[in-house]
C-alpha atoms as a PDB file:
ATOM      1  CA  MET A   1       0.063   0.194   0.373  1.00  0.00           C
ATOM      2  CA  HIS A   2       1.356   3.360  -0.908  1.00  0.00           C
ATOM      3  CA  ASP A   3       0.981   6.337   1.440  1.00  0.00           C
ATOM      4  CA  ASP A   4      -0.197   9.812   0.207  1.00  0.00           C
ATOM      5  CA  ASN A   5       3.418  10.989  -0.109  1.00  0.00           C
ATOM      6  CA  THR A   6       4.380   8.044  -2.491  1.00  0.00           C
ATOM      7  CA  ALA A   7       1.352   8.532  -4.476  1.00  0.00           C
ATOM      8  CA  ASN A   8       1.993  12.382  -4.908  1.00  0.00           C
ATOM      9  CA  ASN A   9       5.582  12.189  -5.787  1.00  0.00           C
ATOM     10  CA  GLY A  10       4.589   9.434  -8.498  1.00  0.00           C
ATOM     11  CA  GLU A  11       1.774  11.699 -10.040  1.00  0.00           C
ATOM     12  CA  GLY A  12       4.446  14.588  -9.892  1.00  0.00           C
ATOM     13  CA  PHE A  13       6.922  12.929 -12.073  1.00  0.00           C
ATOM     14  CA  ARG A  14       4.103  11.785 -14.626  1.00  0.00           C
ATOM     15  CA  LYS A  15       3.245  15.257 -14.825  1.00  0.00           C
ATOM     16  CA  PHE A  16       7.246  16.001 -15.493  1.00  0.00           C
ATOM     17  CA  LEU A  17       7.284  13.522 -17.934  1.00  0.00           C
ATOM     18  CA  ILE A  18       4.443  14.544 -19.765  1.00  0.00           C
ATOM     19  CA  PHE A  19       5.386  18.383 -20.041  1.00  0.00           C
ATOM     20  CA  LEU A  20       8.980  17.022 -21.335  1.00  0.00           C
ATOM     21  CA  PHE A  21       6.993  15.134 -23.914  1.00  0.00           C
ATOM     22  CA  VAL A  22       4.710  17.860 -24.732  1.00  0.00           C
ATOM     23  CA  ASP A  23       8.175  19.827 -24.915  1.00  0.00           C
ATOM     24  CA  TYR A  24       9.754  18.117 -27.160  1.00  0.00           C
ATOM     25  CA  VAL A  25       6.887  17.982 -29.364  1.00  0.00           C
ATOM     26  CA  LEU A  26       6.498  21.267 -29.795  1.00  0.00           C
ATOM     27  CA  GLU A  27      10.156  21.916 -30.423  1.00  0.00           C
ATOM     28  CA  TYR A  28      10.462  19.276 -33.125  1.00  0.00           C
ATOM     29  CA  LEU A  29       7.114  20.657 -34.778  1.00  0.00           C
ATOM     30  CA  SER A  30       8.419  23.754 -34.894  1.00  0.00           C
ATOM     31  CA  ASP A  31      11.369  22.699 -36.549  1.00  0.00           C
ATOM     32  CA  ILE A  32      10.066  21.202 -39.274  1.00  0.00           C
ATOM     33  CA  MET A  33       7.081  23.512 -39.622  1.00  0.00           C
ATOM     34  CA  VAL A  34       7.983  25.598 -43.336  1.00  0.00           C
ATOM     35  CA  SER A  35       7.841  29.251 -43.745  1.00  0.00           C
ATOM     36  CA  MET A  36       6.125  30.223 -46.556  1.00  0.00           C
ATOM     37  CA  LYS A  37       6.283  33.179 -48.938  1.00  0.00           C
ATOM     38  CA  ILE A  38       2.840  34.937 -48.750  1.00  0.00           C
ATOM     39  CA  PHE A  39       1.131  37.260 -51.469  1.00  0.00           C
ATOM     40  CA  ILE A  40      -1.189  39.031 -49.364  1.00  0.00           C
ATOM     41  CA  ILE A  41      -3.952  40.127 -52.006  1.00  0.00           C
ATOM     42  CA  CYS A  42      -7.070  42.319 -51.297  1.00  0.00           C
ATOM     43  CA  SER A  43      -8.676  45.315 -52.511  1.00  0.00           C
ATOM     44  CA  LYS A  44      -6.894  48.669 -52.462  1.00  0.00           C
ATOM     45  CA  ALA A  45      -9.490  49.706 -49.780  1.00  0.00           C
ATOM     46  CA  PHE A  46      -7.953  47.223 -47.062  1.00  0.00           C
ATOM     47  CA  TYR A  47      -4.562  48.932 -47.687  1.00  0.00           C
ATOM     48  CA  ASP A  48      -4.367  50.149 -44.115  1.00  0.00           C
ATOM     49  CA  LYS A  49      -5.057  46.655 -42.956  1.00  0.00           C
ATOM     50  CA  VAL A  50      -1.876  45.157 -44.737  1.00  0.00           C
ATOM     51  CA  PRO A  51       0.837  46.621 -42.179  1.00  0.00           C
ATOM     52  CA  PRO A  52       0.111  44.773 -39.283  1.00  0.00           C
ATOM     53  CA  ILE A  53      -0.846  41.538 -41.170  1.00  0.00           C
ATOM     54  CA  LYS A  54       2.597  41.571 -42.748  1.00  0.00           C
ATOM     55  CA  LYS A  55       4.115  41.677 -39.319  1.00  0.00           C
ATOM     56  CA  GLU A  56       2.204  39.056 -37.614  1.00  0.00           C
ATOM     57  CA  LEU A  57       3.076  36.719 -40.387  1.00  0.00           C
ATOM     58  CA  GLU A  58       6.944  37.703 -40.667  1.00  0.00           C
ATOM     59  CA  GLU A  59       7.036  37.567 -37.100  1.00  0.00           C
ATOM     60  CA  MET A  60       5.742  33.494 -37.444  1.00  0.00           C
ATOM     61  CA  GLY A  61       8.446  33.347 -39.916  1.00  0.00           C
ATOM     62  CA  HIS A  62       6.640  33.913 -43.158  1.00  0.00           C
ATOM     63  CA  GLU A  63       8.051  35.442 -46.273  1.00  0.00           C
ATOM     64  CA  THR A  64       5.469  38.361 -47.214  1.00  0.00           C
ATOM     65  CA  ILE A  65       4.981  39.922 -51.040  1.00  0.00           C
ATOM     66  CA  LEU A  66       2.814  43.233 -51.274  1.00  0.00           C
ATOM     67  CA  PRO A  67       0.150  44.084 -53.174  1.00  0.00           C
ATOM     68  CA  ASN A  68       1.057  45.991 -56.783  1.00  0.00           C
ATOM     69  CA  SER A  69       0.028  49.056 -55.958  1.00  0.00           C
ATOM     70  CA  LEU A  70       0.323  49.154 -52.047  1.00  0.00           C
ATOM     71  CA  ASP A  71       2.767  52.361 -51.733  1.00  0.00           C
ATOM     72  CA  ASN A  72       0.253  54.178 -53.954  1.00  0.00           C
ATOM     73  CA  PRO A  73      -2.767  53.430 -54.312  1.00  0.00           C
ATOM     74  CA  ASP A  74      -3.902  56.272 -56.645  1.00  0.00           C
ATOM     75  CA  SER A  75      -1.655  54.752 -59.259  1.00  0.00           C
ATOM     76  CA  GLU A  76      -5.158  53.733 -61.272  1.00  0.00           C
ATOM     77  CA  LYS A  77      -6.819  56.640 -60.894  1.00  0.00           C
ATOM     78  CA  GLU A  78      -3.566  58.578 -62.152  1.00  0.00           C
ATOM     79  CA  ALA A  79      -3.566  56.205 -65.055  1.00  0.00           C
ATOM     80  CA  TRP A  80      -7.095  56.965 -65.955  1.00  0.00           C
ATOM     81  CA  GLN A  81      -6.017  60.617 -65.979  1.00  0.00           C
ATOM     82  CA  SER A  82      -3.239  60.086 -68.133  1.00  0.00           C
ATOM     83  CA  GLY A  83      -4.924  57.969 -70.370  1.00  0.00           C
ATOM     84  CA  ASN A  84      -3.011  55.262 -69.861  1.00  0.00           C
ATOM     85  CA  HIS A  85      -5.389  52.711 -68.038  1.00  0.00           C
ATOM     86  CA  ALA A  86      -4.849  49.852 -70.305  1.00  0.00           C
ATOM     87  CA  GLU A  87      -1.538  50.025 -70.202  1.00  0.00           C
ATOM     88  CA  PHE A  88      -1.282  50.129 -66.557  1.00  0.00           C
ATOM     89  CA  LYS A  89      -3.978  47.196 -65.926  1.00  0.00           C
ATOM     90  CA  SER A  90      -2.102  45.084 -68.324  1.00  0.00           C
ATOM     91  CA  ARG A  91       1.266  45.855 -66.385  1.00  0.00           C
ATOM     92  CA  MET A  92      -0.450  45.150 -62.802  1.00  0.00           C
ATOM     93  CA  TYR A  93      -2.032  41.697 -64.370  1.00  0.00           C
ATOM     94  CA  GLN A  94       1.609  40.907 -65.351  1.00  0.00           C
ATOM     95  CA  GLU A  95       3.022  41.778 -62.006  1.00  0.00           C
ATOM     96  CA  SER A  96       0.359  40.003 -60.071  1.00  0.00           C
ATOM     97  CA  ARG A  97       0.871  36.999 -62.237  1.00  0.00           C
ATOM     98  CA  ASP A  98       5.194  36.967 -61.730  1.00  0.00           C
ATOM     99  CA  LYS A  99       4.265  37.322 -58.118  1.00  0.00           C
ATOM    100  CA  VAL A 100       1.634  34.709 -57.953  1.00  0.00           C
ATOM    101  CA  SER A 101       4.134  31.708 -59.761  1.00  0.00           C
ATOM    102  CA  ASN A 102       6.707  32.868 -57.069  1.00  0.00           C
ATOM    103  CA  ILE A 103       5.090  31.934 -53.932  1.00  0.00           C
ATOM    104  CA  ASP A 104       3.246  29.044 -51.886  1.00  0.00           C
ATOM    105  CA  ALA A 105       0.131  31.126 -50.817  1.00  0.00           C
ATOM    106  CA  VAL A 106      -2.114  33.731 -51.640  1.00  0.00           C
ATOM    107  CA  LEU A 107      -3.437  35.604 -48.521  1.00  0.00           C
ATOM    108  CA  THR A 108      -6.918  37.370 -49.146  1.00  0.00           C
ATOM    109  CA  LEU A 109      -8.590  39.974 -47.099  1.00  0.00           C
ATOM    110  CA  ASN A 110     -11.635  39.940 -47.765  1.00  0.00           C
ATOM    111  CA  PHE A 111     -13.349  42.594 -45.539  1.00  0.00           C
ATOM    112  CA  GLU A 112     -16.847  44.681 -46.132  1.00  0.00           C
ATOM    113  CA  LYS A 113     -16.177  47.152 -48.515  1.00  0.00           C
ATOM    114  CA  ASN A 114     -19.375  49.514 -49.329  1.00  0.00           C
ATOM    115  CA  GLY A 115     -22.192  46.912 -47.365  1.00  0.00           C
ATOM    116  CA  VAL A 116     -20.678  44.099 -49.454  1.00  0.00           C
ATOM    117  CA  LYS A 117     -19.844  41.292 -46.882  1.00  0.00           C
ATOM    118  CA  ASN A 118     -16.347  39.656 -47.418  1.00  0.00           C
ATOM    119  CA  TYR A 119     -15.623  41.571 -50.747  1.00  0.00           C
ATOM    120  CA  ILE A 120     -13.444  40.206 -53.539  1.00  0.00           C
ATOM    121  CA  GLY A 121     -12.707  42.646 -56.177  1.00  0.00           C
ATOM    122  CA  GLY A 122     -12.266  41.516 -60.021  1.00  0.00           C
ATOM    123  CA  CYS A 123      -8.304  42.014 -59.791  1.00  0.00           C
ATOM    124  CA  THR A 124      -8.394  39.960 -56.481  1.00  0.00           C
ATOM    125  CA  PHE A 125     -10.401  37.235 -58.165  1.00  0.00           C
ATOM    126  CA  LEU A 126      -8.052  36.817 -60.833  1.00  0.00           C
ATOM    127  CA  GLU A 127      -5.144  36.716 -58.631  1.00  0.00           C
ATOM    128  CA  LEU A 128      -6.952  33.973 -57.061  1.00  0.00           C
ATOM    129  CA  TYR A 129      -7.397  32.255 -60.515  1.00  0.00           C
ATOM    130  CA  ASP A 130      -3.876  32.364 -61.114  1.00  0.00           C
ATOM    131  CA  ALA A 131      -3.137  31.043 -57.787  1.00  0.00           C
ATOM    132  CA  PHE A 132      -5.248  28.117 -58.435  1.00  0.00           C
ATOM    133  CA  MET A 133      -4.091  26.990 -61.712  1.00  0.00           C
ATOM    134  CA  LEU A 134      -0.487  27.117 -60.599  1.00  0.00           C
ATOM    135  CA  GLY A 135      -1.556  24.891 -57.673  1.00  0.00           C
ATOM    136  CA  LYS A 136      -0.550  27.403 -55.127  1.00  0.00           C
ATOM    137  CA  LYS A 137      -2.353  27.235 -51.495  1.00  0.00           C
ATOM    138  CA  ILE A 138      -5.434  29.876 -50.985  1.00  0.00           C
ATOM    139  CA  TYR A 139      -6.581  31.204 -47.729  1.00  0.00           C
ATOM    140  CA  LEU A 140      -9.056  33.707 -47.024  1.00  0.00           C
ATOM    141  CA  TRP A 141      -9.533  35.833 -44.166  1.00  0.00           C
ATOM    142  CA  ASN A 142     -13.448  35.248 -44.242  1.00  0.00           C
ATOM    143  CA  ASP A 143     -15.792  33.239 -45.774  1.00  0.00           C
ATOM    144  CA  ILE A 144     -16.489  33.522 -49.385  1.00  0.00           C
ATOM    145  CA  PRO A 145     -18.503  36.302 -50.301  1.00  0.00           C
ATOM    146  CA  GLU A 146     -22.076  35.915 -51.215  1.00  0.00           C
ATOM    147  CA  GLY A 147     -22.830  36.993 -55.453  1.00  0.00           C
ATOM    148  CA  ILE A 148     -21.979  35.917 -58.836  1.00  0.00           C
ATOM    149  CA  LEU A 149     -18.473  34.578 -58.183  1.00  0.00           C
ATOM    150  CA  PHE A 150     -19.565  32.171 -55.312  1.00  0.00           C
ATOM    151  CA  ASP A 151     -19.263  29.074 -57.320  1.00  0.00           C
ATOM    152  CA  GLU A 152     -16.131  29.771 -58.953  1.00  0.00           C
ATOM    153  CA  ILE A 153     -14.018  31.039 -55.730  1.00  0.00           C
ATOM    154  CA  HIS A 154     -15.603  27.997 -53.771  1.00  0.00           C
ATOM    155  CA  GLY A 155     -14.275  25.741 -56.588  1.00  0.00           C
ATOM    156  CA  PHE A 156     -10.806  27.241 -55.725  1.00  0.00           C
ATOM    157  CA  ALA A 157     -10.879  25.044 -52.464  1.00  0.00           C
ATOM    158  CA  PRO A 158      -9.854  28.133 -50.197  1.00  0.00           C
ATOM    159  CA  ILE A 159      -8.888  27.717 -46.597  1.00  0.00           C
ATOM    160  CA  THR A 160     -10.801  30.438 -44.712  1.00  0.00           C
ATOM    161  CA  ILE A 161      -9.105  31.198 -41.206  1.00  0.00           C
ATOM    162  CA  HIS A 162     -11.770  33.670 -40.050  1.00  0.00           C
ATOM    163  CA  GLY A 163      -8.687  35.886 -39.044  1.00  0.00           C
ATOM    164  CA  ASP A 164      -6.606  33.205 -37.169  1.00  0.00           C
ATOM    165  CA  LEU A 165      -2.777  33.501 -38.839  1.00  0.00           C
ATOM    166  CA  LYS A 166      -1.871  30.384 -36.811  1.00  0.00           C
ATOM    167  CA  LYS A 167      -4.437  28.290 -39.548  1.00  0.00           C
ATOM    168  CA  ILE A 168      -1.815  29.079 -42.094  1.00  0.00           C
ATOM    169  CA  PHE A 169       0.482  26.343 -42.733  1.00  0.00           C
END
Protein backbone atom coordinates (compact mmCIF):
# COMPACT_ATOMS: atom_id res chain seq x y z
CA MET A 1 0.00 0.00 0.00
CA HIS A 2 1.30 3.44 -0.94
CA ASP A 3 1.12 6.36 1.35
CA ASP A 4 -0.20 9.69 0.05
CA ASN A 5 3.29 11.14 -0.18
CA THR A 6 4.48 8.38 -2.54
CA ALA A 7 1.37 8.73 -4.70
CA ASN A 8 1.89 12.49 -4.95
CA ASN A 9 5.53 12.01 -5.92
CA GLY A 10 4.50 9.56 -8.65
CA GLU A 11 1.85 11.96 -9.98
CA GLY A 12 4.37 14.81 -9.99
CA PHE A 13 6.85 12.67 -11.90
CA ARG A 14 4.18 11.73 -14.49
CA LYS A 15 3.32 15.41 -14.97
CA PHE A 16 7.01 16.20 -15.38
CA LEU A 17 7.36 13.49 -18.06
CA ILE A 18 4.28 14.77 -19.88
CA PHE A 19 5.71 18.30 -19.78
CA LEU A 20 9.03 17.08 -21.23
CA PHE A 21 7.22 15.14 -23.96
CA VAL A 22 5.00 18.08 -24.95
CA ASP A 23 7.99 20.44 -24.94
CA TYR A 24 9.91 18.01 -27.17
CA VAL A 25 6.98 17.65 -29.60
CA LEU A 26 6.49 21.43 -29.83
CA GLU A 27 10.20 21.96 -30.47
CA TYR A 28 10.17 19.23 -33.13
CA LEU A 29 7.11 20.73 -34.84
CA SER A 30 8.63 24.20 -34.87
CA ASP A 31 11.72 22.74 -36.55
CA ILE A 32 9.75 21.00 -39.30
CA MET A 33 7.19 23.75 -39.91
CA VAL A 34 8.13 25.36 -43.18
CA SER A 35 7.88 29.06 -43.57
CA MET A 36 6.04 30.12 -46.67
CA LYS A 37 6.22 32.95 -49.14
CA ILE A 38 2.76 34.52 -48.95
CA PHE A 39 1.31 37.06 -51.37
CA ILE A 40 -1.21 39.27 -49.58
CA ILE A 41 -4.01 40.20 -52.00
CA CYS A 42 -6.97 42.50 -51.48
CA SER A 43 -8.95 45.49 -52.64
CA LYS A 44 -7.25 48.87 -52.33
CA ALA A 45 -9.95 49.68 -49.77
CA PHE A 46 -8.22 47.25 -47.37
CA TYR A 47 -4.64 48.45 -47.78
CA ASP A 48 -4.68 49.94 -44.28
CA LYS A 49 -5.09 46.42 -42.86
CA VAL A 50 -2.01 45.04 -44.65
CA PRO A 51 0.86 46.33 -42.41
CA PRO A 52 -0.20 44.66 -39.13
CA ILE A 53 -1.02 41.40 -40.93
CA LYS A 54 2.32 41.52 -42.76
CA LYS A 55 4.09 42.08 -39.45
CA GLU A 56 2.38 39.14 -37.76
CA LEU A 57 3.06 36.80 -40.68
CA GLU A 58 6.73 37.77 -40.66
CA GLU A 59 6.92 37.25 -36.89
CA MET A 60 5.62 33.74 -37.57
CA GLY A 61 8.56 33.20 -39.95
CA HIS A 62 6.79 33.74 -43.26
CA GLU A 63 7.99 35.95 -46.09
CA THR A 64 5.36 38.36 -47.41
CA ILE A 65 4.79 39.79 -50.86
CA LEU A 66 2.66 42.92 -50.93
CA PRO A 67 -0.13 44.08 -53.25
CA ASN A 68 1.12 45.77 -56.43
CA SER A 69 0.06 49.35 -55.77
CA LEU A 70 0.26 49.35 -51.96
CA ASP A 71 2.91 52.08 -52.10
CA ASN A 72 0.72 54.24 -54.39
CA PRO A 73 -3.00 53.43 -54.03
CA ASP A 74 -3.88 56.27 -56.43
CA SER A 75 -1.84 54.84 -59.30
CA GLU A 76 -4.90 53.47 -61.10
CA LYS A 77 -6.70 56.81 -60.86
CA GLU A 78 -3.56 58.50 -62.21
CA ALA A 79 -3.46 56.02 -65.10
CA TRP A 80 -7.07 56.88 -65.99
CA GLN A 81 -6.25 60.58 -65.91
CA SER A 82 -3.18 60.19 -68.09
CA GLY A 83 -4.99 58.01 -70.65
CA ASN A 84 -2.81 54.98 -69.91
CA HIS A 85 -5.29 52.87 -67.97
CA ALA A 86 -5.26 49.82 -70.28
CA GLU A 87 -1.46 49.75 -70.26
CA PHE A 88 -1.43 50.16 -66.46
CA LYS A 89 -3.90 47.30 -65.93
CA SER A 90 -1.96 45.05 -68.29
CA ARG A 91 1.23 45.75 -66.36
CA MET A 92 -0.52 45.11 -63.00
CA TYR A 93 -1.95 41.79 -64.24
CA GLN A 94 1.49 40.66 -65.36
CA GLU A 95 3.11 41.75 -62.08
CA SER A 96 0.47 39.83 -60.16
CA ARG A 97 0.96 36.71 -62.25
CA ASP A 98 4.74 36.94 -61.77
CA LYS A 99 4.26 37.27 -58.01
CA VAL A 100 1.81 34.35 -57.86
CA SER A 101 4.18 32.11 -59.80
CA ASN A 102 6.92 32.69 -57.18
CA ILE A 103 4.97 32.18 -53.93
CA ASP A 104 3.61 29.31 -51.89
CA ALA A 105 0.24 30.81 -50.98
CA VAL A 106 -2.06 33.79 -51.31
CA LEU A 107 -3.79 35.35 -48.34
CA THR A 108 -6.92 37.17 -49.43
CA LEU A 109 -8.06 39.99 -47.16
CA ASN A 110 -11.79 40.11 -47.74
CA PHE A 111 -13.69 42.49 -45.48
CA GLU A 112 -16.87 44.49 -45.87
CA LYS A 113 -16.77 47.13 -48.60
CA ASN A 114 -19.66 49.44 -49.47
CA GLY A 115 -22.12 47.12 -47.76
CA VAL A 116 -20.78 43.97 -49.44
CA LYS A 117 -19.75 41.42 -46.82
CA ASN A 118 -16.36 39.70 -47.42
CA TYR A 119 -15.76 41.67 -50.64
CA ILE A 120 -13.48 40.23 -53.34
CA GLY A 121 -13.08 42.47 -56.38
CA GLY A 122 -12.18 41.69 -59.97
CA CYS A 123 -8.40 41.95 -59.71
CA THR A 124 -8.31 39.96 -56.49
CA PHE A 125 -10.46 37.30 -58.16
CA LEU A 126 -7.97 37.11 -61.03
CA GLU A 127 -5.11 36.67 -58.55
CA LEU A 128 -7.09 33.88 -56.86
CA TYR A 129 -7.61 32.27 -60.26
CA ASP A 130 -3.89 32.46 -61.05
CA ALA A 131 -3.07 30.93 -57.66
CA PHE A 132 -5.54 28.10 -58.27
CA MET A 133 -4.23 27.41 -61.77
CA LEU A 134 -0.65 27.34 -60.50
CA GLY A 135 -1.48 25.00 -57.60
CA LYS A 136 -0.84 27.49 -54.81
CA LYS A 137 -2.51 27.40 -51.40
CA ILE A 138 -5.39 29.85 -51.13
CA TYR A 139 -6.39 31.40 -47.82
CA LEU A 140 -9.33 33.72 -47.23
CA TRP A 141 -9.51 35.98 -44.18
CA ASN A 142 -13.31 35.66 -44.09
CA ASP A 143 -15.90 33.44 -45.75
CA ILE A 144 -16.46 33.43 -49.51
CA PRO A 145 -18.69 36.39 -50.40
CA GLU A 146 -22.18 35.65 -51.62
CA GLY A 147 -22.74 36.68 -55.21
CA ILE A 148 -21.92 35.95 -58.80
CA LEU A 149 -18.42 34.55 -58.12
CA PHE A 150 -19.33 32.34 -55.15
CA ASP A 151 -19.27 29.08 -57.14
CA GLU A 152 -15.99 29.92 -58.85
CA ILE A 153 -14.23 30.88 -55.61
CA HIS A 154 -15.69 27.82 -53.87
CA GLY A 155 -14.22 25.73 -56.69
CA PHE A 156 -10.75 27.01 -55.77
CA ALA A 157 -11.18 25.17 -52.41
CA PRO A 158 -9.85 28.06 -50.31
CA ILE A 159 -9.03 27.68 -46.63
CA THR A 160 -10.96 30.23 -44.59
CA ILE A 161 -8.97 31.32 -41.54
CA HIS A 162 -11.54 33.68 -39.93
CA GLY A 163 -8.75 36.08 -38.99
CA ASP A 164 -6.56 33.44 -37.32
CA LEU A 165 -3.14 33.54 -38.98
CA LYS A 166 -2.10 30.41 -37.07
CA LYS A 167 -4.31 28.48 -39.51
CA ILE A 168 -1.80 29.21 -42.27
CA PHE A 169 0.60 26.32 -42.67
